[in-house]
């Protein structure tokens, strides 16, 4: 599956925003099963002249860790439900 966000700005600086793209490459819970990209858009002249760059390796690492934690939790909950049936 794929999750792609719209451009997001925190409201403090409308000329800067980020966009996140997450691709799930397999159903297995592994760090190499995720392809996460974060793009930064910096604009001048009221969003007319924009430069987009791929960035923020630290945030990619944090997102990967949080997604894997949540996926492992969901898998564990699913296994508990199977055991009850």
N, C-alpha and C. Protein backbone atom coordinates (compact mmCIF):
# COMPACT_ATOMS: atom_id res chain seq x y z
N UNK A 1 0.81 -1.17 0.00
CA UNK A 1 0.00 0.00 0.00
C UNK A 1 0.86 1.24 0.00
N UNK A 2 0.21 2.35 -0.20
CA UNK A 2 0.89 3.65 -0.25
C UNK A 2 0.11 4.66 0.56
N UNK A 3 0.83 5.48 1.32
CA UNK A 3 0.25 6.63 2.01
C UNK A 3 1.03 7.84 1.55
N UNK A 4 0.33 8.85 1.04
CA UNK A 4 0.96 10.09 0.62
C UNK A 4 0.17 11.24 1.23
N UNK A 5 0.86 12.10 1.95
CA UNK A 5 0.19 13.25 2.55
C UNK A 5 0.15 14.41 1.58
N UNK A 6 -0.71 15.38 1.87
CA UNK A 6 -0.65 16.65 1.17
C UNK A 6 0.51 17.45 1.75
N UNK A 7 0.80 18.57 1.13
CA UNK A 7 1.81 19.46 1.69
C UNK A 7 1.29 20.00 3.01
N UNK A 8 2.12 19.95 4.05
CA UNK A 8 1.71 20.39 5.38
C UNK A 8 2.64 21.50 5.86
N UNK A 9 2.04 22.54 6.41
CA UNK A 9 2.78 23.63 7.03
C UNK A 9 2.20 23.86 8.41
N UNK A 10 3.05 24.13 9.37
CA UNK A 10 2.57 24.33 10.74
C UNK A 10 1.90 25.68 10.96
N UNK A 11 1.85 26.52 9.95
CA UNK A 11 1.18 27.81 10.04
C UNK A 11 2.10 28.94 10.45
N UNK A 12 3.25 28.63 10.99
CA UNK A 12 4.18 29.68 11.40
C UNK A 12 4.91 30.27 10.19
N UNK A 13 5.19 29.44 9.21
CA UNK A 13 5.86 29.91 8.00
C UNK A 13 5.18 29.27 6.80
N UNK A 14 4.30 30.02 6.14
CA UNK A 14 3.54 29.46 5.02
C UNK A 14 4.41 29.17 3.80
N UNK A 15 5.63 29.67 3.80
CA UNK A 15 6.53 29.43 2.66
C UNK A 15 7.32 28.13 2.78
N UNK A 16 7.16 27.42 3.91
CA UNK A 16 7.82 26.13 4.09
C UNK A 16 6.79 25.07 4.43
N UNK A 17 6.91 23.90 3.79
CA UNK A 17 5.99 22.80 4.09
C UNK A 17 6.68 21.47 3.81
N UNK A 18 6.08 20.38 4.34
CA UNK A 18 6.62 19.05 4.10
C UNK A 18 5.54 18.14 3.54
N UNK A 19 5.99 17.11 2.87
CA UNK A 19 5.11 16.08 2.31
C UNK A 19 5.78 14.73 2.59
N UNK A 20 4.97 13.75 3.02
CA UNK A 20 5.51 12.44 3.37
C UNK A 20 4.89 11.38 2.47
N UNK A 21 5.73 10.49 1.98
CA UNK A 21 5.30 9.36 1.16
C UNK A 21 5.79 8.08 1.82
N UNK A 22 4.85 7.15 2.09
CA UNK A 22 5.21 5.88 2.70
C UNK A 22 4.71 4.76 1.79
N UNK A 23 5.62 3.88 1.39
CA UNK A 23 5.27 2.72 0.57
C UNK A 23 5.56 1.46 1.38
N UNK A 24 4.57 0.59 1.47
CA UNK A 24 4.73 -0.69 2.14
C UNK A 24 5.07 -1.72 1.05
N UNK A 25 6.29 -2.22 1.06
CA UNK A 25 6.78 -3.07 -0.01
C UNK A 25 6.39 -4.53 0.17
N UNK A 26 6.17 -4.97 1.42
CA UNK A 26 5.72 -6.32 1.71
C UNK A 26 4.79 -6.28 2.91
N UNK A 27 4.18 -7.40 3.22
CA UNK A 27 3.33 -7.49 4.41
C UNK A 27 4.12 -7.86 5.65
N UNK A 28 5.40 -8.11 5.50
CA UNK A 28 6.23 -8.49 6.63
C UNK A 28 6.63 -7.27 7.44
N UNK A 29 6.82 -7.48 8.74
CA UNK A 29 7.20 -6.40 9.64
C UNK A 29 8.73 -6.33 9.69
N UNK A 30 9.29 -5.57 8.74
CA UNK A 30 10.74 -5.39 8.64
C UNK A 30 11.01 -3.95 8.20
N UNK A 31 12.14 -3.42 8.63
CA UNK A 31 12.47 -2.04 8.27
C UNK A 31 12.69 -1.88 6.77
N UNK A 32 13.20 -2.93 6.10
CA UNK A 32 13.42 -2.81 4.66
C UNK A 32 12.14 -3.03 3.85
N UNK A 33 11.03 -3.26 4.54
CA UNK A 33 9.74 -3.41 3.87
C UNK A 33 9.04 -2.06 3.72
N UNK A 34 9.68 -0.99 4.23
CA UNK A 34 9.12 0.35 4.14
C UNK A 34 10.02 1.24 3.28
N UNK A 35 9.40 2.05 2.45
CA UNK A 35 10.12 3.06 1.68
C UNK A 35 9.50 4.40 2.05
N UNK A 36 10.18 5.15 2.91
CA UNK A 36 9.65 6.42 3.40
C UNK A 36 10.48 7.55 2.81
N UNK A 37 9.78 8.53 2.25
CA UNK A 37 10.44 9.71 1.70
C UNK A 37 9.76 10.95 2.27
N UNK A 38 10.57 11.92 2.63
CA UNK A 38 10.06 13.18 3.16
C UNK A 38 10.61 14.30 2.28
N UNK A 39 9.71 15.12 1.79
CA UNK A 39 10.08 16.22 0.91
C UNK A 39 9.82 17.54 1.62
N UNK A 40 10.72 18.48 1.43
CA UNK A 40 10.57 19.83 1.97
C UNK A 40 10.40 20.79 0.80
N UNK A 41 9.41 21.66 0.93
CA UNK A 41 9.17 22.68 -0.10
C UNK A 41 9.40 24.05 0.52
N UNK A 42 10.30 24.81 -0.08
CA UNK A 42 10.57 26.18 0.37
C UNK A 42 10.26 27.11 -0.80
N UNK A 43 9.39 28.08 -0.53
CA UNK A 43 8.91 28.97 -1.60
C UNK A 43 9.25 30.43 -1.30
N UNK A 44 9.32 31.19 -2.36
CA UNK A 44 9.43 32.65 -2.27
C UNK A 44 8.35 33.25 -3.15
N UNK A 45 8.07 34.49 -3.01
CA UNK A 45 7.07 35.19 -3.82
C UNK A 45 5.69 34.54 -3.71
N UNK A 46 5.21 34.34 -2.48
CA UNK A 46 3.86 33.82 -2.23
C UNK A 46 3.58 32.50 -2.95
N UNK A 47 4.43 31.52 -2.73
CA UNK A 47 4.29 30.16 -3.27
C UNK A 47 4.43 30.08 -4.79
N UNK A 48 5.00 31.08 -5.41
CA UNK A 48 5.17 31.05 -6.86
C UNK A 48 6.49 30.41 -7.28
N UNK A 49 7.55 30.64 -6.53
CA UNK A 49 8.87 30.12 -6.87
C UNK A 49 9.29 29.16 -5.76
N UNK A 50 9.14 27.86 -6.00
CA UNK A 50 9.37 26.86 -4.96
C UNK A 50 10.51 25.91 -5.31
N UNK A 51 11.23 25.49 -4.28
CA UNK A 51 12.28 24.49 -4.44
C UNK A 51 11.90 23.30 -3.54
N UNK A 52 11.89 22.10 -4.14
CA UNK A 52 11.52 20.89 -3.41
C UNK A 52 12.75 20.00 -3.29
N UNK A 53 13.03 19.56 -2.06
CA UNK A 53 14.16 18.67 -1.82
C UNK A 53 13.72 17.50 -0.94
N UNK A 54 14.36 16.35 -1.15
CA UNK A 54 14.13 15.21 -0.27
C UNK A 54 15.06 15.37 0.91
N UNK A 55 14.54 15.15 2.11
CA UNK A 55 15.31 15.51 3.28
C UNK A 55 14.95 14.70 4.51
N UNK A 56 15.58 15.03 5.59
CA UNK A 56 15.26 14.64 6.96
C UNK A 56 15.37 13.14 7.23
N UNK A 57 16.59 12.62 7.17
CA UNK A 57 16.85 11.20 7.44
C UNK A 57 16.49 10.84 8.88
N UNK A 58 16.62 11.77 9.82
CA UNK A 58 16.28 11.50 11.22
C UNK A 58 14.79 11.22 11.35
N UNK A 59 13.96 12.01 10.69
CA UNK A 59 12.51 11.80 10.75
C UNK A 59 12.12 10.50 10.05
N UNK A 60 12.79 10.13 8.98
CA UNK A 60 12.52 8.85 8.30
C UNK A 60 12.78 7.70 9.27
N UNK A 61 13.88 7.76 10.00
CA UNK A 61 14.22 6.72 10.97
C UNK A 61 13.16 6.64 12.07
N UNK A 62 12.73 7.78 12.57
CA UNK A 62 11.71 7.81 13.63
C UNK A 62 10.37 7.27 13.13
N UNK A 63 9.96 7.65 11.94
CA UNK A 63 8.71 7.15 11.38
C UNK A 63 8.77 5.63 11.17
N UNK A 64 9.89 5.15 10.66
CA UNK A 64 10.06 3.72 10.46
C UNK A 64 9.91 2.98 11.77
N UNK A 65 10.57 3.47 12.80
CA UNK A 65 10.52 2.83 14.11
C UNK A 65 9.08 2.80 14.66
N UNK A 66 8.37 3.91 14.55
CA UNK A 66 6.99 3.98 15.07
C UNK A 66 6.03 3.09 14.27
N UNK A 67 6.18 3.05 12.96
CA UNK A 67 5.32 2.19 12.14
C UNK A 67 5.56 0.72 12.47
N UNK A 68 6.82 0.33 12.62
CA UNK A 68 7.13 -1.06 12.94
C UNK A 68 6.62 -1.44 14.33
N UNK A 69 6.72 -0.53 15.29
CA UNK A 69 6.19 -0.79 16.63
C UNK A 69 4.69 -1.03 16.58
N UNK A 70 3.98 -0.16 15.86
CA UNK A 70 2.52 -0.28 15.76
C UNK A 70 2.13 -1.55 15.01
N UNK A 71 2.85 -1.88 13.95
CA UNK A 71 2.55 -3.09 13.18
C UNK A 71 2.76 -4.34 14.04
N UNK A 72 3.82 -4.36 14.83
CA UNK A 72 4.07 -5.50 15.70
C UNK A 72 2.97 -5.63 16.75
N UNK A 73 2.50 -4.51 17.27
CA UNK A 73 1.40 -4.53 18.24
C UNK A 73 0.12 -5.07 17.61
N UNK A 74 -0.21 -4.62 16.40
CA UNK A 74 -1.40 -5.12 15.69
C UNK A 74 -1.28 -6.62 15.41
N UNK A 75 -0.09 -7.07 15.03
CA UNK A 75 0.11 -8.49 14.76
C UNK A 75 -0.10 -9.31 16.04
N UNK A 76 0.43 -8.82 17.14
CA UNK A 76 0.28 -9.50 18.42
C UNK A 76 -1.19 -9.57 18.83
N UNK A 77 -1.92 -8.49 18.64
CA UNK A 77 -3.35 -8.47 18.98
C UNK A 77 -4.12 -9.44 18.09
N UNK A 78 -3.76 -9.52 16.83
CA UNK A 78 -4.42 -10.45 15.90
C UNK A 78 -4.17 -11.90 16.30
N UNK A 79 -2.97 -12.20 16.74
CA UNK A 79 -2.65 -13.56 17.17
C UNK A 79 -3.42 -13.93 18.44
N UNK A 80 -3.61 -12.97 19.35
CA UNK A 80 -4.37 -13.23 20.57
C UNK A 80 -5.83 -13.54 20.24
N UNK A 81 -6.38 -12.83 19.25
CA UNK A 81 -7.77 -13.08 18.84
C UNK A 81 -7.91 -14.48 18.25
N UNK A 82 -6.92 -14.92 17.47
CA UNK A 82 -6.96 -16.26 16.88
C UNK A 82 -6.94 -17.32 17.97
N UNK A 83 -6.12 -17.10 19.00
CA UNK A 83 -6.02 -18.06 20.10
C UNK A 83 -7.33 -18.20 20.87
N UNK A 84 -8.11 -17.12 20.96
CA UNK A 84 -9.38 -17.15 21.68
C UNK A 84 -10.44 -17.93 20.91
N UNK A 85 -10.34 -17.94 19.59
CA UNK A 85 -11.35 -18.62 18.76
C UNK A 85 -11.03 -20.04 18.65
